[in-house]
Amino acid sequence: MPATTSFMANSFFKTVLESRFSLLNTRANKIIFTIIVTVISLLFMYTFVPFNINRWYDVSKLTLFKIFSTFSLAGTLTLLFTQFGLRKWLRLQQLTYGQYFFFFIGEIMILTFGILACDWILDNHPDFTLYNYLDTFSYVLLIAIPPYAISLLILFGAQQYTLAHNLSQVATEPRQLSDNLLIGDENGKIILTLHPNNILFFKSEDNYVDVHYLLGGEVKTELIRTTLKKIESTCNYAGLIRVHRSYTINIRALSSSRKTNKGYILQFDPLPDLQIPVSASHQKKFEAYHQSIHPIIA
């Protein structure tokens, strides 16, 4: 029994560590994360004064708030560098929870150098030693954990709220599958009238959209001068979902979805050689919509 429990625990942690960490994949979330961490770390240090930092400096010359603001600024610059520069340079756009843990440790190591630089300026240029670095690293790590944890929990809550909202829209949307869709151009002129069941997907082609649909069991295409955004706003149909900057698909006509290291690959039976990718920014929304119709094929 203990061996079975241990095996189950190990399997659980392995699954968690190998799961995709998507909270900081988008530019907006990275900016929000940086702002929240900066604000919370500043308030945390100023409120609790951890490790008696107020005794490290001559506060008669420099107020604590200015000292903490300097440290928070170093943290902000570090996050901007790691999230927008380092991840792009190292091609770490998609991370697992296990990879993010080591990335977090790397961020703290870089931040430690920034804090030491601030300390070197504030404390009359003390000697830099390995002991000072390791000592500062432990302080920075312990101070950084609460702001990081709170910020990620806020982003996670917002992500779950968005998913729940999308699912509720799919479940309650009063849209009829039997109604034909009127697909018009950029000026509102109706070009195509299609039953939703016959629509496969829309593909953006510069200033045009290529409509792929079924007619008599054969795949037809129609190039219309419009945008995906305009089609999505005018077509009153819950099955249309954007999965990529260039693709909006009819998820009810989807034949299969296959998950890879880079994301999902979508295919339609009438076009077996065509593979449509789901971009990282649309992956969660795709999963929410797809699961509301039928389980995702792994």
C-alpha atoms as a PDB file:
ATOM      1  CA  MET A   1       0.000   0.000   0.000  1.00  0.00           C
ATOM      2  CA  PRO A   2       2.747   2.566   0.845  1.00  0.00           C
ATOM      3  CA  ALA A   3       4.489   1.684  -2.414  1.00  0.00           C
ATOM      4  CA  THR A   4       1.268   2.266  -4.345  1.00  0.00           C
ATOM      5  CA  THR A   5       0.712   5.610  -2.607  1.00  0.00           C
ATOM      6  CA  SER A   6       4.294   6.644  -3.368  1.00  0.00           C
ATOM      7  CA  PHE A   7       3.903   5.658  -7.013  1.00  0.00           C
ATOM      8  CA  MET A   8       0.661   7.630  -7.328  1.00  0.00           C
ATOM      9  CA  ALA A   9       2.259  10.674  -5.712  1.00  0.00           C
ATOM     10  CA  ASN A  10       5.272  10.472  -8.018  1.00  0.00           C
ATOM     11  CA  SER A  11       3.003  10.117 -11.049  1.00  0.00           C
ATOM     12  CA  PHE A  12       0.959  13.119  -9.931  1.00  0.00           C
ATOM     13  CA  PHE A  13       3.998  15.358  -9.459  1.00  0.00           C
ATOM     14  CA  LYS A  14       5.460  14.185 -12.764  1.00  0.00           C
ATOM     15  CA  THR A  15       2.210  15.044 -14.535  1.00  0.00           C
ATOM     16  CA  VAL A  16       2.131  18.473 -12.896  1.00  0.00           C
ATOM     17  CA  LEU A  17       5.760  19.247 -13.731  1.00  0.00           C
ATOM     18  CA  GLU A  18       5.247  18.208 -17.361  1.00  0.00           C
ATOM     19  CA  SER A  19       2.022  20.171 -17.753  1.00  0.00           C
ATOM     20  CA  ARG A  20       2.094  23.318 -19.860  1.00  0.00           C
ATOM     21  CA  PHE A  21       2.619  26.551 -17.902  1.00  0.00           C
ATOM     22  CA  SER A  22       0.636  29.100 -19.915  1.00  0.00           C
ATOM     23  CA  LEU A  23       0.024  31.936 -17.450  1.00  0.00           C
ATOM     24  CA  LEU A  24       2.914  34.027 -18.786  1.00  0.00           C
ATOM     25  CA  ASN A  25       2.668  33.184 -22.479  1.00  0.00           C
ATOM     26  CA  THR A  26       0.941  36.371 -23.609  1.00  0.00           C
ATOM     27  CA  ARG A  27       2.432  39.849 -23.695  1.00  0.00           C
ATOM     28  CA  ALA A  28      -0.479  41.258 -21.677  1.00  0.00           C
ATOM     29  CA  ASN A  29      -0.048  38.703 -18.884  1.00  0.00           C
ATOM     30  CA  LYS A  30       3.691  39.372 -18.720  1.00  0.00           C
ATOM     31  CA  ILE A  31       3.060  43.104 -18.303  1.00  0.00           C
ATOM     32  CA  ILE A  32       0.350  42.526 -15.679  1.00  0.00           C
ATOM     33  CA  PHE A  33       2.609  40.062 -13.850  1.00  0.00           C
ATOM     34  CA  THR A  34       5.505  42.539 -13.782  1.00  0.00           C
ATOM     35  CA  ILE A  35       3.299  45.355 -12.476  1.00  0.00           C
ATOM     36  CA  ILE A  36       1.685  43.228  -9.762  1.00  0.00           C
ATOM     37  CA  VAL A  37       5.007  41.787  -8.577  1.00  0.00           C
ATOM     38  CA  THR A  38       6.523  45.280  -8.417  1.00  0.00           C
ATOM     39  CA  VAL A  39       3.651  46.760  -6.411  1.00  0.00           C
ATOM     40  CA  ILE A  40       3.259  43.808  -4.030  1.00  0.00           C
ATOM     41  CA  SER A  41       7.009  43.488  -3.393  1.00  0.00           C
ATOM     42  CA  LEU A  42       7.244  47.194  -2.573  1.00  0.00           C
ATOM     43  CA  LEU A  43       4.254  47.036  -0.201  1.00  0.00           C
ATOM     44  CA  PHE A  44       5.537  43.787   1.326  1.00  0.00           C
ATOM     45  CA  MET A  45       8.983  45.185   2.092  1.00  0.00           C
ATOM     46  CA  TYR A  46       7.676  48.523   3.347  1.00  0.00           C
ATOM     47  CA  THR A  47       5.026  46.894   5.574  1.00  0.00           C
ATOM     48  CA  PHE A  48       6.986  44.005   7.069  1.00  0.00           C
ATOM     49  CA  VAL A  49      10.600  45.250   6.705  1.00  0.00           C
ATOM     50  CA  PRO A  50      11.939  41.671   6.329  1.00  0.00           C
ATOM     51  CA  PHE A  51      15.328  40.707   7.760  1.00  0.00           C
ATOM     52  CA  ASN A  52      15.573  44.096   9.541  1.00  0.00           C
ATOM     53  CA  ILE A  53      16.579  45.835   6.331  1.00  0.00           C
ATOM     54  CA  ASN A  54      16.052  49.170   8.075  1.00  0.00           C
ATOM     55  CA  ARG A  55      19.216  48.469  10.079  1.00  0.00           C
ATOM     56  CA  TRP A  56      21.350  47.850   7.017  1.00  0.00           C
ATOM     57  CA  TYR A  57      21.523  51.496   5.972  1.00  0.00           C
ATOM     58  CA  ASP A  58      21.728  54.940   7.484  1.00  0.00           C
ATOM     59  CA  VAL A  59      18.037  55.787   7.150  1.00  0.00           C
ATOM     60  CA  SER A  60      18.650  59.342   8.278  1.00  0.00           C
ATOM     61  CA  LYS A  61      20.210  59.970   4.878  1.00  0.00           C
ATOM     62  CA  LEU A  62      17.980  57.796   2.781  1.00  0.00           C
ATOM     63  CA  THR A  63      14.403  56.869   3.645  1.00  0.00           C
ATOM     64  CA  LEU A  64      13.293  53.262   3.672  1.00  0.00           C
ATOM     65  CA  PHE A  65      10.717  53.925   0.977  1.00  0.00           C
ATOM     66  CA  LYS A  66      13.412  55.131  -1.409  1.00  0.00           C
ATOM     67  CA  ILE A  67      15.538  52.074  -0.631  1.00  0.00           C
ATOM     68  CA  PHE A  68      12.646  49.691  -1.222  1.00  0.00           C
ATOM     69  CA  SER A  69      11.651  51.577  -4.366  1.00  0.00           C
ATOM     70  CA  THR A  70      15.187  51.094  -5.674  1.00  0.00           C
ATOM     71  CA  PHE A  71      15.035  47.356  -4.978  1.00  0.00           C
ATOM     72  CA  SER A  72      11.573  47.115  -6.598  1.00  0.00           C
ATOM     73  CA  LEU A  73      12.840  48.959  -9.671  1.00  0.00           C
ATOM     74  CA  ALA A  74      15.675  46.440  -9.946  1.00  0.00           C
ATOM     75  CA  GLY A  75      13.058  43.675  -9.817  1.00  0.00           C
ATOM     76  CA  THR A  76      10.952  45.363 -12.504  1.00  0.00           C
ATOM     77  CA  LEU A  77      13.904  45.716 -14.862  1.00  0.00           C
ATOM     78  CA  THR A  78      14.867  42.091 -14.214  1.00  0.00           C
ATOM     79  CA  LEU A  79      11.377  40.812 -15.066  1.00  0.00           C
ATOM     80  CA  LEU A  80      11.196  42.916 -18.216  1.00  0.00           C
ATOM     81  CA  PHE A  81      14.562  41.512 -19.295  1.00  0.00           C
ATOM     82  CA  THR A  82      13.790  37.875 -18.489  1.00  0.00           C
ATOM     83  CA  GLN A  83      10.174  37.752 -19.691  1.00  0.00           C
ATOM     84  CA  PHE A  84      10.531  39.808 -22.867  1.00  0.00           C
ATOM     85  CA  GLY A  85      14.209  39.421 -23.708  1.00  0.00           C
ATOM     86  CA  LEU A  86      15.669  36.242 -22.247  1.00  0.00           C
ATOM     87  CA  ARG A  87      12.694  34.005 -23.035  1.00  0.00           C
ATOM     88  CA  LYS A  88      12.690  35.187 -26.643  1.00  0.00           C
ATOM     89  CA  TRP A  89      16.460  34.820 -26.957  1.00  0.00           C
ATOM     90  CA  LEU A  90      16.394  31.297 -25.489  1.00  0.00           C
ATOM     91  CA  ARG A  91      13.193  30.443 -27.414  1.00  0.00           C
ATOM     92  CA  LEU A  92      11.319  29.605 -24.233  1.00  0.00           C
ATOM     93  CA  GLN A  93       7.892  30.693 -25.423  1.00  0.00           C
ATOM     94  CA  GLN A  94       6.295  27.457 -24.191  1.00  0.00           C
ATOM     95  CA  LEU A  95       7.285  26.264 -20.705  1.00  0.00           C
ATOM     96  CA  THR A  96       6.187  23.399 -18.494  1.00  0.00           C
ATOM     97  CA  TYR A  97       5.716  23.897 -14.751  1.00  0.00           C
ATOM     98  CA  GLY A  98       9.026  22.118 -14.169  1.00  0.00           C
ATOM     99  CA  GLN A  99      10.855  24.352 -16.633  1.00  0.00           C
ATOM    100  CA  TYR A 100       9.284  27.470 -15.157  1.00  0.00           C
ATOM    101  CA  PHE A 101      10.560  26.514 -11.680  1.00  0.00           C
ATOM    102  CA  PHE A 102      14.146  26.548 -12.944  1.00  0.00           C
ATOM    103  CA  PHE A 103      13.440  29.705 -14.944  1.00  0.00           C
ATOM    104  CA  PHE A 104      12.192  31.335 -11.717  1.00  0.00           C
ATOM    105  CA  ILE A 105      15.417  30.374  -9.928  1.00  0.00           C
ATOM    106  CA  GLY A 106      17.351  31.882 -12.842  1.00  0.00           C
ATOM    107  CA  GLU A 107      15.345  35.097 -12.515  1.00  0.00           C
ATOM    108  CA  ILE A 108      16.204  35.293  -8.823  1.00  0.00           C
ATOM    109  CA  MET A 109      19.893  34.742  -9.610  1.00  0.00           C
ATOM    110  CA  ILE A 110      19.826  37.620 -12.102  1.00  0.00           C
ATOM    111  CA  LEU A 111      17.829  39.800  -9.702  1.00  0.00           C
ATOM    112  CA  THR A 112      20.410  39.122  -6.994  1.00  0.00           C
ATOM    113  CA  PHE A 113      23.062  40.793  -9.139  1.00  0.00           C
ATOM    114  CA  GLY A 114      20.745  43.782  -9.516  1.00  0.00           C
ATOM    115  CA  ILE A 115      20.144  44.000  -5.769  1.00  0.00           C
ATOM    116  CA  LEU A 116      23.878  43.754  -5.102  1.00  0.00           C
ATOM    117  CA  ALA A 117      24.441  46.590  -7.543  1.00  0.00           C
ATOM    118  CA  CYS A 118      21.889  48.701  -5.673  1.00  0.00           C
ATOM    119  CA  ASP A 119      23.478  47.738  -2.356  1.00  0.00           C
ATOM    120  CA  TRP A 120      26.923  48.654  -3.716  1.00  0.00           C
ATOM    121  CA  ILE A 121      25.636  52.160  -4.451  1.00  0.00           C
ATOM    122  CA  LEU A 122      23.622  52.590  -1.247  1.00  0.00           C
ATOM    123  CA  ASP A 123      26.216  51.135   1.142  1.00  0.00           C
ATOM    124  CA  ASN A 124      29.340  53.019   0.047  1.00  0.00           C
ATOM    125  CA  HIS A 125      30.739  50.380  -2.320  1.00  0.00           C
ATOM    126  CA  PRO A 126      31.295  47.308  -0.081  1.00  0.00           C
ATOM    127  CA  ASP A 127      33.454  44.426  -1.314  1.00  0.00           C
ATOM    128  CA  PHE A 128      31.689  41.902  -3.534  1.00  0.00           C
ATOM    129  CA  THR A 129      32.238  38.293  -2.450  1.00  0.00           C
ATOM    130  CA  LEU A 130      30.678  34.922  -3.188  1.00  0.00           C
ATOM    131  CA  TYR A 131      29.428  34.814   0.410  1.00  0.00           C
ATOM    132  CA  ASN A 132      27.661  38.174  -0.073  1.00  0.00           C
ATOM    133  CA  TYR A 133      26.071  36.905  -3.275  1.00  0.00           C
ATOM    134  CA  LEU A 134      24.774  33.666  -1.730  1.00  0.00           C
ATOM    135  CA  ASP A 135      23.564  35.515   1.360  1.00  0.00           C
ATOM    136  CA  THR A 136      21.756  38.096  -0.770  1.00  0.00           C
ATOM    137  CA  PHE A 137      20.338  35.351  -3.007  1.00  0.00           C
ATOM    138  CA  SER A 138      18.652  33.681  -0.024  1.00  0.00           C
ATOM    139  CA  TYR A 139      17.130  37.004   1.086  1.00  0.00           C
ATOM    140  CA  VAL A 140      15.921  37.866  -2.419  1.00  0.00           C
ATOM    141  CA  LEU A 141      14.421  34.391  -2.907  1.00  0.00           C
ATOM    142  CA  LEU A 142      12.431  34.529   0.329  1.00  0.00           C
ATOM    143  CA  ILE A 143      11.205  38.078  -0.332  1.00  0.00           C
ATOM    144  CA  ALA A 144      10.257  37.272  -3.945  1.00  0.00           C
ATOM    145  CA  ILE A 145       8.129  34.190  -3.198  1.00  0.00           C
ATOM    146  CA  PRO A 146       5.039  36.024  -1.791  1.00  0.00           C
ATOM    147  CA  PRO A 147       4.750  38.587  -4.649  1.00  0.00           C
ATOM    148  CA  TYR A 148       5.325  35.861  -7.260  1.00  0.00           C
ATOM    149  CA  ALA A 149       2.760  33.532  -5.684  1.00  0.00           C
ATOM    150  CA  ILE A 150       0.091  36.229  -5.316  1.00  0.00           C
ATOM    151  CA  SER A 151       0.646  37.509  -8.865  1.00  0.00           C
ATOM    152  CA  LEU A 152       0.405  34.043 -10.415  1.00  0.00           C
ATOM    153  CA  LEU A 153      -2.721  33.270  -8.376  1.00  0.00           C
ATOM    154  CA  ILE A 154      -4.348  36.462  -9.671  1.00  0.00           C
ATOM    155  CA  LEU A 155      -3.494  35.547 -13.264  1.00  0.00           C
ATOM    156  CA  PHE A 156      -4.713  31.991 -12.715  1.00  0.00           C
ATOM    157  CA  GLY A 157      -8.008  33.253 -11.307  1.00  0.00           C
ATOM    158  CA  ALA A 158      -8.470  35.591 -14.262  1.00  0.00           C
ATOM    159  CA  GLN A 159      -7.704  32.737 -16.678  1.00  0.00           C
ATOM    160  CA  GLN A 160     -10.235  30.433 -15.036  1.00  0.00           C
ATOM    161  CA  TYR A 161     -12.869  33.168 -15.043  1.00  0.00           C
ATOM    162  CA  THR A 162     -12.344  33.699 -18.772  1.00  0.00           C
ATOM    163  CA  LEU A 163     -12.642  29.975 -19.477  1.00  0.00           C
ATOM    164  CA  ALA A 164     -15.808  29.705 -17.394  1.00  0.00           C
ATOM    165  CA  HIS A 165     -17.271  32.731 -19.153  1.00  0.00           C
ATOM    166  CA  ASN A 166     -16.523  31.238 -22.579  1.00  0.00           C
ATOM    167  CA  LEU A 167     -18.079  27.927 -21.594  1.00  0.00           C
ATOM    168  CA  SER A 168     -21.207  29.613 -20.288  1.00  0.00           C
ATOM    169  CA  GLN A 169     -21.532  31.546 -23.532  1.00  0.00           C
ATOM    170  CA  VAL A 170     -21.325  28.335 -25.540  1.00  0.00           C
ATOM    171  CA  ALA A 171     -23.905  26.658 -23.313  1.00  0.00           C
ATOM    172  CA  THR A 172     -26.407  29.525 -23.229  1.00  0.00           C
ATOM    173  CA  GLU A 173     -25.890  31.233 -26.598  1.00  0.00           C
ATOM    174  CA  PRO A 174     -29.294  31.339 -28.331  1.00  0.00           C
ATOM    175  CA  ARG A 175     -27.969  30.662 -31.797  1.00  0.00           C
ATOM    176  CA  GLN A 176     -29.660  28.331 -34.201  1.00  0.00           C
ATOM    177  CA  LEU A 177     -27.732  25.874 -36.326  1.00  0.00           C
ATOM    178  CA  SER A 178     -30.537  25.797 -38.861  1.00  0.00           C
ATOM    179  CA  ASP A 179     -30.222  29.480 -39.785  1.00  0.00           C
ATOM    180  CA  ASN A 180     -28.159  30.252 -42.869  1.00  0.00           C
ATOM    181  CA  LEU A 181     -25.214  32.608 -42.413  1.00  0.00           C
ATOM    182  CA  LEU A 182     -24.926  35.702 -44.560  1.00  0.00           C
ATOM    183  CA  ILE A 183     -21.257  36.319 -45.381  1.00  0.00           C
ATOM    184  CA  GLY A 184     -20.559  39.763 -46.774  1.00  0.00           C
ATOM    185  CA  ASP A 185     -17.603  41.837 -47.913  1.00  0.00           C
ATOM    186  CA  GLU A 186     -16.063  44.857 -46.197  1.00  0.00           C
ATOM    187  CA  ASN A 187     -18.900  47.079 -47.477  1.00  0.00           C
ATOM    188  CA  GLY A 188     -21.632  44.783 -46.178  1.00  0.00           C
ATOM    189  CA  LYS A 189     -22.556  43.346 -49.564  1.00  0.00           C
ATOM    190  CA  ILE A 190     -23.690  39.712 -49.171  1.00  0.00           C
ATOM    191  CA  ILE A 191     -21.398  37.419 -51.172  1.00  0.00           C
ATOM    192  CA  LEU A 192     -22.282  33.983 -49.786  1.00  0.00           C
ATOM    193  CA  THR A 193     -25.239  32.421 -47.983  1.00  0.00           C
ATOM    194  CA  LEU A 194     -24.191  29.201 -46.269  1.00  0.00           C
ATOM    195  CA  HIS A 195     -25.647  26.720 -43.843  1.00  0.00           C
ATOM    196  CA  PRO A 196     -23.368  26.531 -40.769  1.00  0.00           C
ATOM    197  CA  ASN A 197     -22.929  22.771 -41.198  1.00  0.00           C
ATOM    198  CA  ASN A 198     -21.282  23.390 -44.590  1.00  0.00           C
ATOM    199  CA  ILE A 199     -18.659  25.839 -43.336  1.00  0.00           C
ATOM    200  CA  LEU A 200     -15.157  24.446 -42.687  1.00  0.00           C
ATOM    201  CA  PHE A 201     -12.983  27.470 -41.941  1.00  0.00           C
ATOM    202  CA  PHE A 202     -11.995  30.996 -42.923  1.00  0.00           C
ATOM    203  CA  LYS A 203      -8.405  31.861 -43.793  1.00  0.00           C
ATOM    204  CA  SER A 204      -7.051  35.400 -43.823  1.00  0.00           C
ATOM    205  CA  GLU A 205      -5.200  36.371 -47.015  1.00  0.00           C
ATOM    206  CA  ASP A 206      -3.902  39.942 -46.533  1.00  0.00           C
ATOM    207  CA  ASN A 207      -6.986  42.136 -47.143  1.00  0.00           C
ATOM    208  CA  TYR A 208      -9.119  39.163 -48.122  1.00  0.00           C
ATOM    209  CA  VAL A 209     -10.639  36.105 -46.464  1.00  0.00           C
ATOM    210  CA  ASP A 210     -10.715  32.723 -48.203  1.00  0.00           C
ATOM    211  CA  VAL A 211     -13.916  30.898 -47.250  1.00  0.00           C
ATOM    212  CA  HIS A 212     -13.648  27.100 -47.343  1.00  0.00           C
ATOM    213  CA  TYR A 213     -17.020  25.344 -47.411  1.00  0.00           C
ATOM    214  CA  LEU A 214     -18.796  22.231 -48.640  1.00  0.00           C
ATOM    215  CA  LEU A 215     -21.145  22.134 -51.618  1.00  0.00           C
ATOM    216  CA  GLY A 216     -22.487  18.812 -52.810  1.00  0.00           C
ATOM    217  CA  GLY A 217     -19.863  17.010 -50.726  1.00  0.00           C
ATOM    218  CA  GLU A 218     -17.000  18.868 -52.416  1.00  0.00           C
ATOM    219  CA  VAL A 219     -14.783  21.570 -50.913  1.00  0.00           C
ATOM    220  CA  LYS A 220     -15.315  24.984 -52.470  1.00  0.00           C
ATOM    221  CA  THR A 221     -13.518  28.269 -51.810  1.00  0.00           C
ATOM    222  CA  GLU A 222     -14.586  31.879 -52.164  1.00  0.00           C
ATOM    223  CA  LEU A 223     -12.212  34.833 -51.818  1.00  0.00           C
ATOM    224  CA  ILE A 224     -13.967  37.811 -50.218  1.00  0.00           C
ATOM    225  CA  ARG A 225     -12.521  41.238 -49.532  1.00  0.00           C
ATOM    226  CA  THR A 226     -13.101  41.493 -45.773  1.00  0.00           C
ATOM    227  CA  THR A 227     -11.452  40.543 -42.466  1.00  0.00           C
ATOM    228  CA  LEU A 228     -11.812  37.647 -40.040  1.00  0.00           C
ATOM    229  CA  LYS A 229     -12.846  40.065 -37.322  1.00  0.00           C
ATOM    230  CA  LYS A 230     -15.705  41.410 -39.432  1.00  0.00           C
ATOM    231  CA  ILE A 231     -16.905  37.911 -40.333  1.00  0.00           C
ATOM    232  CA  GLU A 232     -16.849  36.844 -36.689  1.00  0.00           C
ATOM    233  CA  SER A 233     -18.856  39.894 -35.675  1.00  0.00           C
ATOM    234  CA  THR A 234     -21.499  39.546 -38.402  1.00  0.00           C
ATOM    235  CA  CYS A 235     -21.961  35.753 -38.502  1.00  0.00           C
ATOM    236  CA  ASN A 236     -24.401  34.848 -35.739  1.00  0.00           C
ATOM    237  CA  TYR A 237     -23.042  31.375 -35.039  1.00  0.00           C
ATOM    238  CA  ALA A 238     -21.506  29.997 -31.822  1.00  0.00           C
ATOM    239  CA  GLY A 239     -19.399  27.385 -33.618  1.00  0.00           C
ATOM    240  CA  LEU A 240     -16.972  29.900 -35.134  1.00  0.00           C
ATOM    241  CA  ILE A 241     -13.779  30.283 -33.117  1.00  0.00           C
ATOM    242  CA  ARG A 242     -10.462  31.981 -33.872  1.00  0.00           C
ATOM    243  CA  VAL A 243      -7.566  29.546 -33.431  1.00  0.00           C
ATOM    244  CA  HIS A 244      -4.814  31.510 -35.144  1.00  0.00           C
ATOM    245  CA  ARG A 245      -4.111  34.979 -36.439  1.00  0.00           C
ATOM    246  CA  SER A 246      -4.946  33.664 -39.918  1.00  0.00           C
ATOM    247  CA  TYR A 247      -7.666  31.075 -39.169  1.00  0.00           C
ATOM    248  CA  THR A 248     -11.216  31.047 -37.843  1.00  0.00           C
ATOM    249  CA  ILE A 249     -12.712  27.562 -37.887  1.00  0.00           C
ATOM    250  CA  ASN A 250     -16.151  25.981 -37.544  1.00  0.00           C
ATOM    251  CA  ILE A 251     -15.370  23.858 -34.504  1.00  0.00           C
ATOM    252  CA  ARG A 252     -18.459  21.710 -35.114  1.00  0.00           C
ATOM    253  CA  ALA A 253     -17.025  20.629 -38.474  1.00  0.00           C
ATOM    254  CA  LEU A 254     -13.613  19.751 -37.001  1.00  0.00           C
ATOM    255  CA  SER A 255     -12.617  16.140 -37.644  1.00  0.00           C
ATOM    256  CA  SER A 256      -9.608  15.795 -35.346  1.00  0.00           C
ATOM    257  CA  SER A 257      -7.215  17.716 -33.118  1.00  0.00           C
ATOM    258  CA  ARG A 258      -3.788  16.411 -32.236  1.00  0.00           C
ATOM    259  CA  LYS A 259      -1.696  17.843 -29.413  1.00  0.00           C
ATOM    260  CA  THR A 260       2.028  18.276 -30.087  1.00  0.00           C
ATOM    261  CA  ASN A 261       4.908  19.945 -28.272  1.00  0.00           C
ATOM    262  CA  LYS A 262       4.126  23.141 -30.149  1.00  0.00           C
ATOM    263  CA  GLY A 263       0.354  23.058 -29.574  1.00  0.00           C
ATOM    264  CA  TYR A 264      -2.686  21.620 -31.323  1.00  0.00           C
ATOM    265  CA  ILE A 265      -2.895  20.610 -34.986  1.00  0.00           C
ATOM    266  CA  LEU A 266      -6.386  20.610 -36.504  1.00  0.00           C
ATOM    267  CA  GLN A 267      -7.648  18.655 -39.498  1.00  0.00           C
ATOM    268  CA  PHE A 268     -10.836  18.319 -41.538  1.00  0.00           C
ATOM    269  CA  ASP A 269     -11.851  15.108 -43.317  1.00  0.00           C
ATOM    270  CA  PRO A 270     -12.529  16.795 -46.690  1.00  0.00           C
ATOM    271  CA  LEU A 271      -8.949  18.236 -46.618  1.00  0.00           C
ATOM    272  CA  PRO A 272      -6.805  15.463 -45.083  1.00  0.00           C
ATOM    273  CA  ASP A 273      -3.502  17.024 -46.140  1.00  0.00           C
ATOM    274  CA  LEU A 274      -4.241  20.387 -44.525  1.00  0.00           C
ATOM    275  CA  GLN A 275      -3.027  20.991 -40.974  1.00  0.00           C
ATOM    276  CA  ILE A 276      -4.188  24.120 -39.158  1.00  0.00           C
ATOM    277  CA  PRO A 277      -2.184  25.151 -36.063  1.00  0.00           C
ATOM    278  CA  VAL A 278      -3.670  26.585 -32.879  1.00  0.00           C
ATOM    279  CA  SER A 279      -1.477  29.468 -31.755  1.00  0.00           C
ATOM    280  CA  ALA A 280      -0.467  29.800 -28.105  1.00  0.00           C
ATOM    281  CA  SER A 281      -2.629  32.889 -27.550  1.00  0.00           C
ATOM    282  CA  HIS A 282      -5.778  31.019 -28.643  1.00  0.00           C
ATOM    283  CA  GLN A 283      -5.056  27.603 -27.123  1.00  0.00           C
ATOM    284  CA  LYS A 284      -7.018  27.977 -23.867  1.00  0.00           C
ATOM    285  CA  LYS A 285     -10.082  29.333 -25.642  1.00  0.00           C
ATOM    286  CA  PHE A 286      -9.910  26.498 -28.173  1.00  0.00           C
ATOM    287  CA  GLU A 287      -9.729  23.906 -25.406  1.00  0.00           C
ATOM    288  CA  ALA A 288     -12.707  25.455 -23.626  1.00  0.00           C
ATOM    289  CA  TYR A 289     -14.881  25.486 -26.744  1.00  0.00           C
ATOM    290  CA  HIS A 290     -13.768  22.067 -27.909  1.00  0.00           C
ATOM    291  CA  GLN A 291     -14.338  20.376 -24.565  1.00  0.00           C
ATOM    292  CA  SER A 292     -17.819  21.836 -24.424  1.00  0.00           C
ATOM    293  CA  ILE A 293     -18.663  19.916 -27.615  1.00  0.00           C
ATOM    294  CA  HIS A 294     -16.612  16.717 -27.302  1.00  0.00           C
ATOM    295  CA  PRO A 295     -13.357  15.701 -25.557  1.00  0.00           C
ATOM    296  CA  ILE A 296     -10.122  16.792 -27.158  1.00  0.00           C
ATOM    297  CA  ILE A 297      -8.299  14.010 -28.976  1.00  0.00           C
ATOM    298  CA  ALA A 298      -4.796  13.743 -27.484  1.00  0.00           C
END
